[in-house]
Amino acid sequence: MSNFHLELAQSELKIVLEALTEMEARKSAICETSDNEDEIADIGNELIELRLLLKPLRERAINEYGNNIVNFSRELL
């Protein structure tokens, strides 16, 4: 298996993390609400892969930039 390396600025990483987090929430909601077993299986497999990507990425980002990197709130401080 080959590796793909990509350098991201903090702001770019935050965008990627937010998009992956939103995708995880959408796929999880489908698995929880769908009555279609094939859809649940397909989306469930995608969800597993997504979580295997997101978890270490999130952890590494928090270690590097702090918890604010995963704060996607648009509320004013």
PDB file of N, CA and C in Angstrom:
ATOM      1  N   MET A   1       0.840  -1.174   0.000  1.00  0.00           N
ATOM      2  CA  MET A   1       0.000   0.000   0.000  1.00  0.00           C
ATOM      3  C   MET A   1       0.885   1.237   0.000  1.00  0.00           C
ATOM      4  N   SER A   2       0.603   2.169  -0.868  1.00  0.00           N
ATOM      5  CA  SER A   2       1.394   3.390  -0.921  1.00  0.00           C
ATOM      6  C   SER A   2       0.776   4.454  -0.024  1.00  0.00           C
ATOM      7  N   ASN A   3       1.589   5.402   0.359  1.00  0.00           N
ATOM      8  CA  ASN A   3       1.141   6.497   1.215  1.00  0.00           C
ATOM      9  C   ASN A   3       1.055   7.779   0.415  1.00  0.00           C
ATOM     10  N   PHE A   4       0.152   8.630   0.820  1.00  0.00           N
ATOM     11  CA  PHE A   4      -0.048   9.930   0.194  1.00  0.00           C
ATOM     12  C   PHE A   4       0.178  10.980   1.264  1.00  0.00           C
ATOM     13  N   HIS A   5       1.106  11.874   1.036  1.00  0.00           N
ATOM     14  CA  HIS A   5       1.420  12.909   2.012  1.00  0.00           C
ATOM     15  C   HIS A   5       0.924  14.253   1.502  1.00  0.00           C
ATOM     16  N   LEU A   6       0.382  15.026   2.418  1.00  0.00           N
ATOM     17  CA  LEU A   6      -0.188  16.318   2.066  1.00  0.00           C
ATOM     18  C   LEU A   6       0.087  17.286   3.199  1.00  0.00           C
ATOM     19  N   GLU A   7       0.583  18.463   2.867  1.00  0.00           N
ATOM     20  CA  GLU A   7       0.797  19.489   3.880  1.00  0.00           C
ATOM     21  C   GLU A   7      -0.371  20.456   3.843  1.00  0.00           C
ATOM     22  N   LEU A   8      -0.927  20.727   5.022  1.00  0.00           N
ATOM     23  CA  LEU A   8      -2.061  21.634   5.130  1.00  0.00           C
ATOM     24  C   LEU A   8      -1.756  22.716   6.151  1.00  0.00           C
ATOM     25  N   ALA A   9      -2.202  23.920   5.861  1.00  0.00           N
ATOM     26  CA  ALA A   9      -2.174  24.982   6.860  1.00  0.00           C
ATOM     27  C   ALA A   9      -3.226  24.657   7.911  1.00  0.00           C
ATOM     28  N   GLN A  10      -3.117  25.261   9.079  1.00  0.00           N
ATOM     29  CA  GLN A  10      -4.075  24.998  10.149  1.00  0.00           C
ATOM     30  C   GLN A  10      -5.502  25.262   9.684  1.00  0.00           C
ATOM     31  N   SER A  11      -5.722  26.340   8.973  1.00  0.00           N
ATOM     32  CA  SER A  11      -7.077  26.674   8.506  1.00  0.00           C
ATOM     33  C   SER A  11      -7.592  25.643   7.510  1.00  0.00           C
ATOM     34  N   GLU A  12      -6.718  25.126   6.678  1.00  0.00           N
ATOM     35  CA  GLU A  12      -7.118  24.100   5.712  1.00  0.00           C
ATOM     36  C   GLU A  12      -7.454  22.787   6.420  1.00  0.00           C
ATOM     37  N   LEU A  13      -6.651  22.440   7.412  1.00  0.00           N
ATOM     38  CA  LEU A  13      -6.905  21.228   8.187  1.00  0.00           C
ATOM     39  C   LEU A  13      -8.249  21.317   8.896  1.00  0.00           C
ATOM     40  N   LYS A  14      -8.572  22.489   9.410  1.00  0.00           N
ATOM     41  CA  LYS A  14      -9.855  22.683  10.095  1.00  0.00           C
ATOM     42  C   LYS A  14     -11.013  22.456   9.123  1.00  0.00           C
ATOM     43  N   ILE A  15     -10.883  22.920   7.893  1.00  0.00           N
ATOM     44  CA  ILE A  15     -11.916  22.711   6.875  1.00  0.00           C
ATOM     45  C   ILE A  15     -12.079  21.221   6.584  1.00  0.00           C
ATOM     46  N   VAL A  16     -10.984  20.512   6.434  1.00  0.00           N
ATOM     47  CA  VAL A  16     -11.026  19.071   6.168  1.00  0.00           C
ATOM     48  C   VAL A  16     -11.671  18.328   7.338  1.00  0.00           C
ATOM     49  N   LEU A  17     -11.274  18.670   8.544  1.00  0.00           N
ATOM     50  CA  LEU A  17     -11.850  18.021   9.726  1.00  0.00           C
ATOM     51  C   LEU A  17     -13.346  18.281   9.832  1.00  0.00           C
ATOM     52  N   GLU A  18     -13.760  19.506   9.567  1.00  0.00           N
ATOM     53  CA  GLU A  18     -15.187  19.828   9.637  1.00  0.00           C
ATOM     54  C   GLU A  18     -15.971  19.043   8.590  1.00  0.00           C
ATOM     55  N   ALA A  19     -15.447  18.974   7.378  1.00  0.00           N
ATOM     56  CA  ALA A  19     -16.134  18.240   6.310  1.00  0.00           C
ATOM     57  C   ALA A  19     -16.241  16.752   6.651  1.00  0.00           C
ATOM     58  N   LEU A  20     -15.173  16.168   7.149  1.00  0.00           N
ATOM     59  CA  LEU A  20     -15.202  14.751   7.514  1.00  0.00           C
ATOM     60  C   LEU A  20     -16.140  14.498   8.690  1.00  0.00           C
ATOM     61  N   THR A  21     -16.171  15.413   9.638  1.00  0.00           N
ATOM     62  CA  THR A  21     -17.067  15.283  10.789  1.00  0.00           C
ATOM     63  C   THR A  21     -18.522  15.359  10.350  1.00  0.00           C
ATOM     64  N   GLU A  22     -18.826  16.283   9.443  1.00  0.00           N
ATOM     65  CA  GLU A  22     -20.192  16.393   8.917  1.00  0.00           C
ATOM     66  C   GLU A  22     -20.575  15.138   8.129  1.00  0.00           C
ATOM     67  N   MET A  23     -19.638  14.613   7.354  1.00  0.00           N
ATOM     68  CA  MET A  23     -19.895  13.393   6.589  1.00  0.00           C
ATOM     69  C   MET A  23     -20.156  12.221   7.532  1.00  0.00           C
ATOM     70  N   GLU A  24     -19.388  12.143   8.605  1.00  0.00           N
ATOM     71  CA  GLU A  24     -19.592  11.083   9.590  1.00  0.00           C
ATOM     72  C   GLU A  24     -20.997  11.178  10.187  1.00  0.00           C
ATOM     73  N   ALA A  25     -21.428  12.375  10.516  1.00  0.00           N
ATOM     74  CA  ALA A  25     -22.762  12.562  11.105  1.00  0.00           C
ATOM     75  C   ALA A  25     -23.859  12.156  10.123  1.00  0.00           C
ATOM     76  N   ARG A  26     -23.705  12.526   8.853  1.00  0.00           N
ATOM     77  CA  ARG A  26     -24.709  12.164   7.838  1.00  0.00           C
ATOM     78  C   ARG A  26     -24.793  10.658   7.651  1.00  0.00           C
ATOM     79  N   LYS A  27     -23.647  10.016   7.534  1.00  0.00           N
ATOM     80  CA  LYS A  27     -23.632   8.564   7.327  1.00  0.00           C
ATOM     81  C   LYS A  27     -24.164   7.827   8.556  1.00  0.00           C
ATOM     82  N   SER A  28     -23.828   8.311   9.719  1.00  0.00           N
ATOM     83  CA  SER A  28     -24.331   7.709  10.947  1.00  0.00           C
ATOM     84  C   SER A  28     -25.849   7.829  11.028  1.00  0.00           C
ATOM     85  N   ALA A  29     -26.385   8.977  10.656  1.00  0.00           N
ATOM     86  CA  ALA A  29     -27.838   9.184  10.671  1.00  0.00           C
ATOM     87  C   ALA A  29     -28.533   8.242   9.696  1.00  0.00           C
ATOM     88  N   ILE A  30     -27.936   8.031   8.538  1.00  0.00           N
ATOM     89  CA  ILE A  30     -28.512   7.103   7.560  1.00  0.00           C
ATOM     90  C   ILE A  30     -28.564   5.695   8.148  1.00  0.00           C
ATOM     91  N   CYS A  31     -27.471   5.272   8.765  1.00  0.00           N
ATOM     92  CA  CYS A  31     -27.431   3.925   9.352  1.00  0.00           C
ATOM     93  C   CYS A  31     -28.465   3.763  10.462  1.00  0.00           C
ATOM     94  N   GLU A  32     -28.712   4.826  11.197  1.00  0.00           N
ATOM     95  CA  GLU A  32     -29.655   4.755  12.316  1.00  0.00           C
ATOM     96  C   GLU A  32     -31.111   4.805  11.870  1.00  0.00           C
ATOM     97  N   THR A  33     -31.384   5.398  10.708  1.00  0.00           N
ATOM     98  CA  THR A  33     -32.779   5.618  10.315  1.00  0.00           C
ATOM     99  C   THR A  33     -33.240   4.806   9.113  1.00  0.00           C
ATOM    100  N   SER A  34     -32.319   4.253   8.351  1.00  0.00           N
ATOM    101  CA  SER A  34     -32.696   3.542   7.129  1.00  0.00           C
ATOM    102  C   SER A  34     -33.336   2.192   7.443  1.00  0.00           C
ATOM    103  N   ASP A  35     -34.283   1.815   6.596  1.00  0.00           N
ATOM    104  CA  ASP A  35     -34.897   0.489   6.675  1.00  0.00           C
ATOM    105  C   ASP A  35     -34.308  -0.459   5.629  1.00  0.00           C
ATOM    106  N   ASN A  36     -33.435   0.060   4.784  1.00  0.00           N
ATOM    107  CA  ASN A  36     -32.848  -0.707   3.698  1.00  0.00           C
ATOM    108  C   ASN A  36     -31.559  -1.370   4.190  1.00  0.00           C
ATOM    109  N   GLU A  37     -31.565  -2.691   4.299  1.00  0.00           N
ATOM    110  CA  GLU A  37     -30.408  -3.412   4.829  1.00  0.00           C
ATOM    111  C   GLU A  37     -29.166  -3.255   3.960  1.00  0.00           C
ATOM    112  N   ASP A  38     -29.347  -3.218   2.637  1.00  0.00           N
ATOM    113  CA  ASP A  38     -28.203  -3.036   1.744  1.00  0.00           C
ATOM    114  C   ASP A  38     -27.584  -1.655   1.939  1.00  0.00           C
ATOM    115  N   GLU A  39     -28.434  -0.649   2.058  1.00  0.00           N
ATOM    116  CA  GLU A  39     -27.944   0.709   2.279  1.00  0.00           C
ATOM    117  C   GLU A  39     -27.198   0.793   3.609  1.00  0.00           C
ATOM    118  N   ILE A  40     -27.766   0.197   4.638  1.00  0.00           N
ATOM    119  CA  ILE A  40     -27.124   0.213   5.953  1.00  0.00           C
ATOM    120  C   ILE A  40     -25.753  -0.459   5.883  1.00  0.00           C
ATOM    121  N   ALA A  41     -25.666  -1.576   5.178  1.00  0.00           N
ATOM    122  CA  ALA A  41     -24.392  -2.288   5.050  1.00  0.00           C
ATOM    123  C   ALA A  41     -23.370  -1.453   4.291  1.00  0.00           C
ATOM    124  N   ASP A  42     -23.770  -0.885   3.161  1.00  0.00           N
ATOM    125  CA  ASP A  42     -22.852  -0.083   2.350  1.00  0.00           C
ATOM    126  C   ASP A  42     -22.393   1.169   3.094  1.00  0.00           C
ATOM    127  N   ILE A  43     -23.347   1.911   3.622  1.00  0.00           N
ATOM    128  CA  ILE A  43     -23.015   3.139   4.339  1.00  0.00           C
ATOM    129  C   ILE A  43     -22.248   2.806   5.617  1.00  0.00           C
ATOM    130  N   GLY A  44     -22.611   1.708   6.258  1.00  0.00           N
ATOM    131  CA  GLY A  44     -21.904   1.284   7.467  1.00  0.00           C
ATOM    132  C   GLY A  44     -20.435   0.995   7.197  1.00  0.00           C
ATOM    133  N   ASN A  45     -20.146   0.337   6.082  1.00  0.00           N
ATOM    134  CA  ASN A  45     -18.751   0.080   5.709  1.00  0.00           C
ATOM    135  C   ASN A  45     -18.006   1.381   5.436  1.00  0.00           C
ATOM    136  N   GLU A  46     -18.667   2.305   4.750  1.00  0.00           N
ATOM    137  CA  GLU A  46     -18.056   3.613   4.498  1.00  0.00           C
ATOM    138  C   GLU A  46     -17.814   4.353   5.809  1.00  0.00           C
ATOM    139  N   LEU A  47     -18.745   4.226   6.727  1.00  0.00           N
ATOM    140  CA  LEU A  47     -18.627   4.889   8.023  1.00  0.00           C
ATOM    141  C   LEU A  47     -17.435   4.347   8.808  1.00  0.00           C
ATOM    142  N   ILE A  48     -17.222   3.053   8.750  1.00  0.00           N
ATOM    143  CA  ILE A  48     -16.064   2.458   9.423  1.00  0.00           C
ATOM    144  C   ILE A  48     -14.774   3.026   8.852  1.00  0.00           C
ATOM    145  N   GLU A  49     -14.662   3.054   7.532  1.00  0.00           N
ATOM    146  CA  GLU A  49     -13.458   3.591   6.897  1.00  0.00           C
ATOM    147  C   GLU A  49     -13.265   5.063   7.238  1.00  0.00           C
ATOM    148  N   LEU A  50     -14.351   5.806   7.225  1.00  0.00           N
ATOM    149  CA  LEU A  50     -14.291   7.229   7.547  1.00  0.00           C
ATOM    150  C   LEU A  50     -13.795   7.441   8.971  1.00  0.00           C
ATOM    151  N   ARG A  51     -14.310   6.662   9.905  1.00  0.00           N
ATOM    152  CA  ARG A  51     -13.888   6.799  11.302  1.00  0.00           C
ATOM    153  C   ARG A  51     -12.435   6.385  11.496  1.00  0.00           C
ATOM    154  N   LEU A  52     -11.979   5.384  10.731  1.00  0.00           N
ATOM    155  CA  LEU A  52     -10.573   4.986  10.802  1.00  0.00           C
ATOM    156  C   LEU A  52      -9.657   6.090  10.289  1.00  0.00           C
ATOM    157  N   LEU A  53     -10.142   6.908   9.395  1.00  0.00           N
ATOM    158  CA  LEU A  53      -9.397   8.067   8.903  1.00  0.00           C
ATOM    159  C   LEU A  53      -9.500   9.233   9.873  1.00  0.00           C
ATOM    160  N   LEU A  54     -10.709   9.509  10.322  1.00  0.00           N
ATOM    161  CA  LEU A  54     -10.976  10.710  11.106  1.00  0.00           C
ATOM    162  C   LEU A  54     -10.364  10.673  12.504  1.00  0.00           C
ATOM    163  N   LYS A  55     -10.435   9.543  13.175  1.00  0.00           N
ATOM    164  CA  LYS A  55      -9.972   9.482  14.565  1.00  0.00           C
ATOM    165  C   LYS A  55      -8.500   9.875  14.715  1.00  0.00           C
ATOM    166  N   PRO A  56      -7.567   9.248  13.996  1.00  0.00           N
ATOM    167  CA  PRO A  56      -6.167   9.649  14.175  1.00  0.00           C
ATOM    168  C   PRO A  56      -5.882  11.057  13.646  1.00  0.00           C
ATOM    169  N   LEU A  57      -6.599  11.460  12.611  1.00  0.00           N
ATOM    170  CA  LEU A  57      -6.416  12.808  12.082  1.00  0.00           C
ATOM    171  C   LEU A  57      -6.838  13.838  13.120  1.00  0.00           C
ATOM    172  N   ARG A  58      -7.991  13.605  13.739  1.00  0.00           N
ATOM    173  CA  ARG A  58      -8.496  14.508  14.784  1.00  0.00           C
ATOM    174  C   ARG A  58      -7.524  14.549  15.966  1.00  0.00           C
ATOM    175  N   GLU A  59      -7.077  13.378  16.409  1.00  0.00           N
ATOM    176  CA  GLU A  59      -6.162  13.316  17.552  1.00  0.00           C
ATOM    177  C   GLU A  59      -4.859  14.048  17.264  1.00  0.00           C
ATOM    178  N   ARG A  60      -4.327  13.837  16.096  1.00  0.00           N
ATOM    179  CA  ARG A  60      -3.070  14.497  15.731  1.00  0.00           C
ATOM    180  C   ARG A  60      -3.252  16.007  15.625  1.00  0.00           C
ATOM    181  N   ALA A  61      -4.380  16.429  15.064  1.00  0.00           N
ATOM    182  CA  ALA A  61      -4.661  17.859  14.936  1.00  0.00           C
ATOM    183  C   ALA A  61      -4.803  18.511  16.305  1.00  0.00           C
ATOM    184  N   ILE A  62      -5.491  17.845  17.230  1.00  0.00           N
ATOM    185  CA  ILE A  62      -5.651  18.389  18.581  1.00  0.00           C
ATOM    186  C   ILE A  62      -4.304  18.479  19.283  1.00  0.00           C
ATOM    187  N   ASN A  63      -3.474  17.465  19.130  1.00  0.00           N
ATOM    188  CA  ASN A  63      -2.141  17.497  19.738  1.00  0.00           C
ATOM    189  C   ASN A  63      -1.308  18.647  19.194  1.00  0.00           C
ATOM    190  N   GLU A  64      -1.465  18.932  17.920  1.00  0.00           N
ATOM    191  CA  GLU A  64      -0.664  19.978  17.272  1.00  0.00           C
ATOM    192  C   GLU A  64      -1.220  21.380  17.524  1.00  0.00           C
ATOM    193  N   TYR A  65      -2.554  21.537  17.457  1.00  0.00           N
ATOM    194  CA  TYR A  65      -3.150  22.876  17.470  1.00  0.00           C
ATOM    195  C   TYR A  65      -4.092  23.143  18.642  1.00  0.00           C
ATOM    196  N   GLY A  66      -4.392  22.151  19.439  1.00  0.00           N
ATOM    197  CA  GLY A  66      -5.306  22.338  20.564  1.00  0.00           C
ATOM    198  C   GLY A  66      -6.745  22.025  20.177  1.00  0.00           C
ATOM    199  N   ASN A  67      -7.619  22.022  21.172  1.00  0.00           N
ATOM    200  CA  ASN A  67      -9.016  21.631  20.970  1.00  0.00           C
ATOM    201  C   ASN A  67      -9.785  22.556  20.043  1.00  0.00           C
ATOM    202  N   ASN A  68      -9.348  23.781  19.886  1.00  0.00           N
ATOM    203  CA  ASN A  68     -10.072  24.722  19.029  1.00  0.00           C
ATOM    204  C   ASN A  68     -10.097  24.269  17.567  1.00  0.00           C
ATOM    205  N   ILE A  69      -9.175  23.414  17.181  1.00  0.00           N
ATOM    206  CA  ILE A  69      -9.137  22.934  15.794  1.00  0.00           C
ATOM    207  C   ILE A  69     -10.381  22.119  15.452  1.00  0.00           C
ATOM    208  N   VAL A  70     -11.047  21.571  16.462  1.00  0.00           N
ATOM    209  CA  VAL A  70     -12.265  20.797  16.211  1.00  0.00           C
ATOM    210  C   VAL A  70     -13.519  21.517  16.722  1.00  0.00           C
ATOM    211  N   ASN A  71     -13.391  22.807  16.978  1.00  0.00           N
ATOM    212  CA  ASN A  71     -14.550  23.625  17.339  1.00  0.00           C
ATOM    213  C   ASN A  71     -15.047  24.277  16.057  1.00  0.00           C
ATOM    214  N   PHE A  72     -16.158  23.783  15.542  1.00  0.00           N
ATOM    215  CA  PHE A  72     -16.678  24.257  14.262  1.00  0.00           C
ATOM    216  C   PHE A  72     -17.853  25.216  14.431  1.00  0.00           C
ATOM    217  N   SER A  73     -18.054  25.694  15.639  1.00  0.00           N
ATOM    218  CA  SER A  73     -19.161  26.602  15.925  1.00  0.00           C
ATOM    219  C   SER A  73     -18.987  27.913  15.163  1.00  0.00           C
ATOM    220  N   ARG A  74     -20.087  28.451  14.684  1.00  0.00           N
ATOM    221  CA  ARG A  74     -20.072  29.740  13.994  1.00  0.00           C
ATOM    222  C   ARG A  74     -20.562  30.867  14.914  1.00  0.00           C
ATOM    223  N   GLU A  75     -20.821  30.523  16.185  1.00  0.00           N
ATOM    224  CA  GLU A  75     -21.306  31.512  17.142  1.00  0.00           C
ATOM    225  C   GLU A  75     -20.201  32.501  17.491  1.00  0.00           C
ATOM    226  N   LEU A  76     -20.602  33.741  17.723  1.00  0.00           N
ATOM    227  CA  LEU A  76     -19.654  34.760  18.142  1.00  0.00           C
ATOM    228  C   LEU A  76     -19.227  34.498  19.573  1.00  0.00           C
ATOM    229  N   LEU A  77     -17.993  34.816  19.859  1.00  0.00           N
ATOM    230  CA  LEU A  77     -17.486  34.604  21.224  1.00  0.00           C
ATOM    231  C   LEU A  77     -17.972  35.675  22.158  1.00  0.00           C
TER     232      LEU A  77
END
